[in-house]
Amino acid sequence: MFHLTLLVLLCCATSISAGTIKKPSASHSGEYGGNGGLRFSHSVDQLDGPITALGIRTNASYITGLLVRYGRKWSDYVGGPSGELQTIMLNPGESITQVSGKFDSYICKLKFQTNLGRRFSFGVDVGTSFTAIPLFPGAILTYISGRSGAVIDAIGFHWNVEFGGGARH
């Protein structure tokens, strides 16, 4: 009976200590924007690797569409066809560490900042401001979600330290 009790106690202690080893590392910012559009999420796309490029389409008033390259594979395009598509490529070891922007009923502006100090800005400076940053130190942007139709109606940002605090590409 003593050996059984000792075995149970050891198993419980191992389970408890194993549960405390992994610290929380994921967080979510947003959703910023209006109430329209159909939901989209790149949660599955992130399995292809870290974010390595962004394609953002803008018109005179709004962010009208976007796609993201995860590893070497582009996500499906979300949004509408109007406006000009601009693409930014991240350098090896570069990750997005902050996103800010403006919104009203739709997303008007997006500004991305990287761990290497680069900044990329898309859209117009109109609407309510937001700043999205990770909750945990060393976390990077791992995927995007939101709602879209003819434009990007709303957007959310998902952060994690999954790739060691810096993209590998």
C-alpha atoms as a PDB file:
ATOM      1  CA  MET A   1       0.000   0.000   0.000  1.00  0.00           C
ATOM      2  CA  PHE A   2       2.883   2.355   0.800  1.00  0.00           C
ATOM      3  CA  HIS A   3       4.425   1.822  -2.659  1.00  0.00           C
ATOM      4  CA  LEU A   4       1.094   2.518  -4.380  1.00  0.00           C
ATOM      5  CA  THR A   5       0.612   5.753  -2.409  1.00  0.00           C
ATOM      6  CA  LEU A   6       4.174   6.831  -3.191  1.00  0.00           C
ATOM      7  CA  LEU A   7       3.680   6.073  -6.887  1.00  0.00           C
ATOM      8  CA  VAL A   8       0.446   8.108  -6.986  1.00  0.00           C
ATOM      9  CA  LEU A   9       2.133  11.033  -5.214  1.00  0.00           C
ATOM     10  CA  LEU A  10       5.080  10.954  -7.623  1.00  0.00           C
ATOM     11  CA  CYS A  11       2.758  10.892 -10.642  1.00  0.00           C
ATOM     12  CA  CYS A  12       0.760  13.832  -9.271  1.00  0.00           C
ATOM     13  CA  ALA A  13       3.907  15.817  -8.497  1.00  0.00           C
ATOM     14  CA  THR A  14       5.267  15.151 -11.986  1.00  0.00           C
ATOM     15  CA  SER A  15       1.989  16.229 -13.577  1.00  0.00           C
ATOM     16  CA  ILE A  16       1.834  19.398 -11.511  1.00  0.00           C
ATOM     17  CA  SER A  17       5.451  20.372 -12.177  1.00  0.00           C
ATOM     18  CA  ALA A  18       5.163  19.556 -15.886  1.00  0.00           C
ATOM     19  CA  GLY A  19       2.136  21.835 -16.086  1.00  0.00           C
ATOM     20  CA  THR A  20       4.095  24.792 -14.721  1.00  0.00           C
ATOM     21  CA  ILE A  21       6.998  24.471 -17.167  1.00  0.00           C
ATOM     22  CA  LYS A  22       5.164  25.974 -20.155  1.00  0.00           C
ATOM     23  CA  LYS A  23       4.452  29.654 -19.631  1.00  0.00           C
ATOM     24  CA  PRO A  24       1.658  31.451 -21.486  1.00  0.00           C
ATOM     25  CA  SER A  25       2.949  32.827 -24.766  1.00  0.00           C
ATOM     26  CA  ALA A  26      -0.039  33.583 -27.018  1.00  0.00           C
ATOM     27  CA  SER A  27      -2.237  36.678 -27.062  1.00  0.00           C
ATOM     28  CA  HIS A  28      -4.742  38.423 -29.313  1.00  0.00           C
ATOM     29  CA  SER A  29      -5.270  42.120 -30.133  1.00  0.00           C
ATOM     30  CA  GLY A  30      -8.524  43.430 -31.577  1.00  0.00           C
ATOM     31  CA  GLU A  31     -10.836  43.030 -33.373  1.00  0.00           C
ATOM     32  CA  TYR A  32     -10.689  46.610 -34.690  1.00  0.00           C
ATOM     33  CA  GLY A  33     -13.186  48.023 -37.190  1.00  0.00           C
ATOM     34  CA  GLY A  34     -16.872  47.787 -38.011  1.00  0.00           C
ATOM     35  CA  ASN A  35     -19.468  45.026 -37.848  1.00  0.00           C
ATOM     36  CA  GLY A  36     -19.842  44.086 -41.526  1.00  0.00           C
ATOM     37  CA  GLY A  37     -18.210  41.467 -43.709  1.00  0.00           C
ATOM     38  CA  LEU A  38     -17.651  37.732 -43.570  1.00  0.00           C
ATOM     39  CA  ARG A  39     -15.229  36.212 -41.067  1.00  0.00           C
ATOM     40  CA  PHE A  40     -11.770  35.096 -42.148  1.00  0.00           C
ATOM     41  CA  SER A  41      -8.887  33.593 -40.202  1.00  0.00           C
ATOM     42  CA  HIS A  42      -5.353  32.615 -41.132  1.00  0.00           C
ATOM     43  CA  SER A  43      -5.047  30.332 -38.100  1.00  0.00           C
ATOM     44  CA  VAL A  44      -4.371  27.309 -40.333  1.00  0.00           C
ATOM     45  CA  ASP A  45      -2.052  29.263 -42.670  1.00  0.00           C
ATOM     46  CA  GLN A  46       0.368  29.936 -39.801  1.00  0.00           C
ATOM     47  CA  LEU A  47       1.241  26.226 -39.866  1.00  0.00           C
ATOM     48  CA  ASP A  48       3.124  26.906 -43.131  1.00  0.00           C
ATOM     49  CA  GLY A  49       5.646  29.020 -41.213  1.00  0.00           C
ATOM     50  CA  PRO A  50       6.214  32.534 -39.907  1.00  0.00           C
ATOM     51  CA  ILE A  51       4.977  35.617 -41.729  1.00  0.00           C
ATOM     52  CA  THR A  52       7.464  36.427 -44.501  1.00  0.00           C
ATOM     53  CA  ALA A  53       5.532  38.949 -46.632  1.00  0.00           C
ATOM     54  CA  LEU A  54       2.362  41.056 -46.725  1.00  0.00           C
ATOM     55  CA  GLY A  55       0.197  42.166 -49.627  1.00  0.00           C
ATOM     56  CA  ILE A  56      -2.067  45.110 -48.771  1.00  0.00           C
ATOM     57  CA  ARG A  57      -4.579  46.623 -51.228  1.00  0.00           C
ATOM     58  CA  THR A  58      -5.776  50.203 -50.658  1.00  0.00           C
ATOM     59  CA  ASN A  59      -8.059  52.695 -52.360  1.00  0.00           C
ATOM     60  CA  ALA A  60      -8.486  56.413 -51.591  1.00  0.00           C
ATOM     61  CA  SER A  61     -10.340  55.695 -48.330  1.00  0.00           C
ATOM     62  CA  TYR A  62      -9.808  52.166 -46.994  1.00  0.00           C
ATOM     63  CA  ILE A  63      -7.765  49.018 -46.837  1.00  0.00           C
ATOM     64  CA  THR A  64      -9.669  47.012 -49.432  1.00  0.00           C
ATOM     65  CA  GLY A  65      -7.872  43.658 -49.255  1.00  0.00           C
ATOM     66  CA  LEU A  66      -4.937  41.679 -47.971  1.00  0.00           C
ATOM     67  CA  LEU A  67      -3.006  38.466 -48.203  1.00  0.00           C
ATOM     68  CA  VAL A  68      -0.121  37.191 -46.103  1.00  0.00           C
ATOM     69  CA  ARG A  69       2.743  34.856 -46.975  1.00  0.00           C
ATOM     70  CA  TYR A  70       3.377  32.266 -44.268  1.00  0.00           C
ATOM     71  CA  GLY A  71       6.733  30.626 -44.879  1.00  0.00           C
ATOM     72  CA  ARG A  72       6.727  30.264 -48.677  1.00  0.00           C
ATOM     73  CA  LYS A  73       2.961  29.954 -49.168  1.00  0.00           C
ATOM     74  CA  TRP A  74       0.512  32.833 -49.678  1.00  0.00           C
ATOM     75  CA  SER A  75      -2.818  32.842 -47.866  1.00  0.00           C
ATOM     76  CA  ASP A  76      -6.070  33.249 -49.757  1.00  0.00           C
ATOM     77  CA  TYR A  77      -6.803  36.857 -50.676  1.00  0.00           C
ATOM     78  CA  VAL A  78      -9.523  38.502 -48.563  1.00  0.00           C
ATOM     79  CA  GLY A  79     -11.329  41.720 -49.443  1.00  0.00           C
ATOM     80  CA  GLY A  80     -12.344  43.439 -52.647  1.00  0.00           C
ATOM     81  CA  PRO A  81     -10.685  44.125 -56.007  1.00  0.00           C
ATOM     82  CA  SER A  82     -10.513  47.937 -55.958  1.00  0.00           C
ATOM     83  CA  GLY A  83      -7.316  49.852 -55.349  1.00  0.00           C
ATOM     84  CA  GLU A  84      -3.606  49.213 -55.658  1.00  0.00           C
ATOM     85  CA  LEU A  85      -1.881  46.132 -54.216  1.00  0.00           C
ATOM     86  CA  GLN A  86       1.455  46.800 -52.494  1.00  0.00           C
ATOM     87  CA  THR A  87       3.713  43.989 -51.310  1.00  0.00           C
ATOM     88  CA  ILE A  88       6.376  44.085 -48.613  1.00  0.00           C
ATOM     89  CA  MET A  89       8.882  41.312 -48.046  1.00  0.00           C
ATOM     90  CA  LEU A  90      10.392  40.685 -44.630  1.00  0.00           C
ATOM     91  CA  ASN A  91      14.111  40.026 -44.368  1.00  0.00           C
ATOM     92  CA  PRO A  92      15.481  36.795 -42.873  1.00  0.00           C
ATOM     93  CA  GLY A  93      15.096  37.002 -39.091  1.00  0.00           C
ATOM     94  CA  GLU A  94      12.595  39.862 -39.359  1.00  0.00           C
ATOM     95  CA  SER A  95       9.198  39.665 -37.648  1.00  0.00           C
ATOM     96  CA  ILE A  96       6.268  41.998 -37.094  1.00  0.00           C
ATOM     97  CA  THR A  97       6.221  43.183 -33.480  1.00  0.00           C
ATOM     98  CA  GLN A  98       3.565  45.908 -33.541  1.00  0.00           C
ATOM     99  CA  VAL A  99       0.619  46.976 -35.693  1.00  0.00           C
ATOM    100  CA  SER A 100      -1.192  50.287 -35.421  1.00  0.00           C
ATOM    101  CA  GLY A 101      -3.779  51.912 -37.577  1.00  0.00           C
ATOM    102  CA  LYS A 102      -7.094  53.700 -37.917  1.00  0.00           C
ATOM    103  CA  PHE A 103     -10.649  52.524 -38.452  1.00  0.00           C
ATOM    104  CA  ASP A 104     -14.243  53.679 -38.679  1.00  0.00           C
ATOM    105  CA  SER A 105     -16.793  51.256 -40.156  1.00  0.00           C
ATOM    106  CA  TYR A 106     -13.857  49.762 -42.073  1.00  0.00           C
ATOM    107  CA  ILE A 107     -10.081  49.611 -41.704  1.00  0.00           C
ATOM    108  CA  CYS A 108      -8.624  52.898 -43.016  1.00  0.00           C
ATOM    109  CA  LYS A 109      -4.918  52.537 -42.196  1.00  0.00           C
ATOM    110  CA  LEU A 110      -2.429  49.847 -41.151  1.00  0.00           C
ATOM    111  CA  LYS A 111       1.149  50.481 -39.958  1.00  0.00           C
ATOM    112  CA  PHE A 112       3.446  47.519 -39.339  1.00  0.00           C
ATOM    113  CA  GLN A 113       6.651  47.711 -37.282  1.00  0.00           C
ATOM    114  CA  THR A 114       9.305  44.990 -37.226  1.00  0.00           C
ATOM    115  CA  ASN A 115      11.942  43.813 -34.784  1.00  0.00           C
ATOM    116  CA  LEU A 116      14.566  45.292 -37.143  1.00  0.00           C
ATOM    117  CA  GLY A 117      13.038  48.767 -36.845  1.00  0.00           C
ATOM    118  CA  ARG A 118      11.422  48.878 -40.278  1.00  0.00           C
ATOM    119  CA  ARG A 119       7.968  50.446 -40.631  1.00  0.00           C
ATOM    120  CA  PHE A 120       5.412  49.996 -43.403  1.00  0.00           C
ATOM    121  CA  SER A 121       2.300  52.163 -43.718  1.00  0.00           C
ATOM    122  CA  PHE A 122      -0.788  51.601 -45.890  1.00  0.00           C
ATOM    123  CA  GLY A 123      -4.011  53.577 -46.216  1.00  0.00           C
ATOM    124  CA  VAL A 124      -5.249  56.975 -45.084  1.00  0.00           C
ATOM    125  CA  ASP A 125      -4.931  58.785 -41.771  1.00  0.00           C
ATOM    126  CA  VAL A 126      -8.652  58.976 -40.891  1.00  0.00           C
ATOM    127  CA  GLY A 127     -10.687  57.450 -38.055  1.00  0.00           C
ATOM    128  CA  THR A 128     -10.152  56.071 -34.570  1.00  0.00           C
ATOM    129  CA  SER A 129      -6.576  55.040 -33.726  1.00  0.00           C
ATOM    130  CA  PHE A 130      -5.516  51.649 -32.382  1.00  0.00           C
ATOM    131  CA  THR A 131      -2.224  50.031 -31.419  1.00  0.00           C
ATOM    132  CA  ALA A 132      -1.845  46.252 -31.281  1.00  0.00           C
ATOM    133  CA  ILE A 133       1.102  44.754 -29.408  1.00  0.00           C
ATOM    134  CA  PRO A 134       1.736  41.302 -27.959  1.00  0.00           C
ATOM    135  CA  LEU A 135       1.016  40.650 -24.307  1.00  0.00           C
ATOM    136  CA  PHE A 136       4.155  38.558 -23.749  1.00  0.00           C
ATOM    137  CA  PRO A 137       7.802  39.615 -24.296  1.00  0.00           C
ATOM    138  CA  GLY A 138       9.418  38.164 -27.403  1.00  0.00           C
ATOM    139  CA  ALA A 139       6.104  37.417 -29.102  1.00  0.00           C
ATOM    140  CA  ILE A 140       5.642  38.170 -32.801  1.00  0.00           C
ATOM    141  CA  LEU A 141       2.663  38.422 -35.124  1.00  0.00           C
ATOM    142  CA  THR A 142       1.810  34.856 -36.112  1.00  0.00           C
ATOM    143  CA  TYR A 143      -1.478  35.325 -37.981  1.00  0.00           C
ATOM    144  CA  ILE A 144      -4.326  37.685 -38.851  1.00  0.00           C
ATOM    145  CA  SER A 145      -8.099  37.296 -38.628  1.00  0.00           C
ATOM    146  CA  GLY A 146     -11.058  39.580 -39.192  1.00  0.00           C
ATOM    147  CA  ARG A 147     -14.011  40.267 -41.474  1.00  0.00           C
ATOM    148  CA  SER A 148     -14.091  41.350 -45.094  1.00  0.00           C
ATOM    149  CA  GLY A 149     -16.342  42.042 -48.055  1.00  0.00           C
ATOM    150  CA  ALA A 150     -15.554  44.712 -50.642  1.00  0.00           C
ATOM    151  CA  VAL A 151     -13.073  46.102 -48.072  1.00  0.00           C
ATOM    152  CA  ILE A 152     -11.456  44.922 -44.830  1.00  0.00           C
ATOM    153  CA  ASP A 153     -14.273  45.574 -42.351  1.00  0.00           C
ATOM    154  CA  ALA A 154     -12.397  44.505 -39.205  1.00  0.00           C
ATOM    155  CA  ILE A 155      -9.046  42.999 -38.267  1.00  0.00           C
ATOM    156  CA  GLY A 156      -7.462  41.160 -35.337  1.00  0.00           C
ATOM    157  CA  PHE A 157      -3.853  40.218 -34.649  1.00  0.00           C
ATOM    158  CA  HIS A 158      -2.584  36.997 -33.049  1.00  0.00           C
ATOM    159  CA  TRP A 159       0.794  36.920 -31.298  1.00  0.00           C
ATOM    160  CA  ASN A 160       2.973  34.063 -30.071  1.00  0.00           C
ATOM    161  CA  VAL A 161       6.596  33.195 -29.297  1.00  0.00           C
ATOM    162  CA  GLU A 162       6.150  30.005 -31.332  1.00  0.00           C
ATOM    163  CA  PHE A 163       9.030  30.803 -33.671  1.00  0.00           C
ATOM    164  CA  GLY A 164      11.494  31.650 -30.902  1.00  0.00           C
ATOM    165  CA  GLY A 165      10.759  35.390 -30.866  1.00  0.00           C
ATOM    166  CA  GLY A 166      12.008  35.835 -34.417  1.00  0.00           C
ATOM    167  CA  ALA A 167      10.974  34.506 -37.771  1.00  0.00           C
ATOM    168  CA  ARG A 168      13.004  31.740 -39.390  1.00  0.00           C
ATOM    169  CA  HIS A 169      13.008  32.086 -43.156  1.00  0.00           C
END
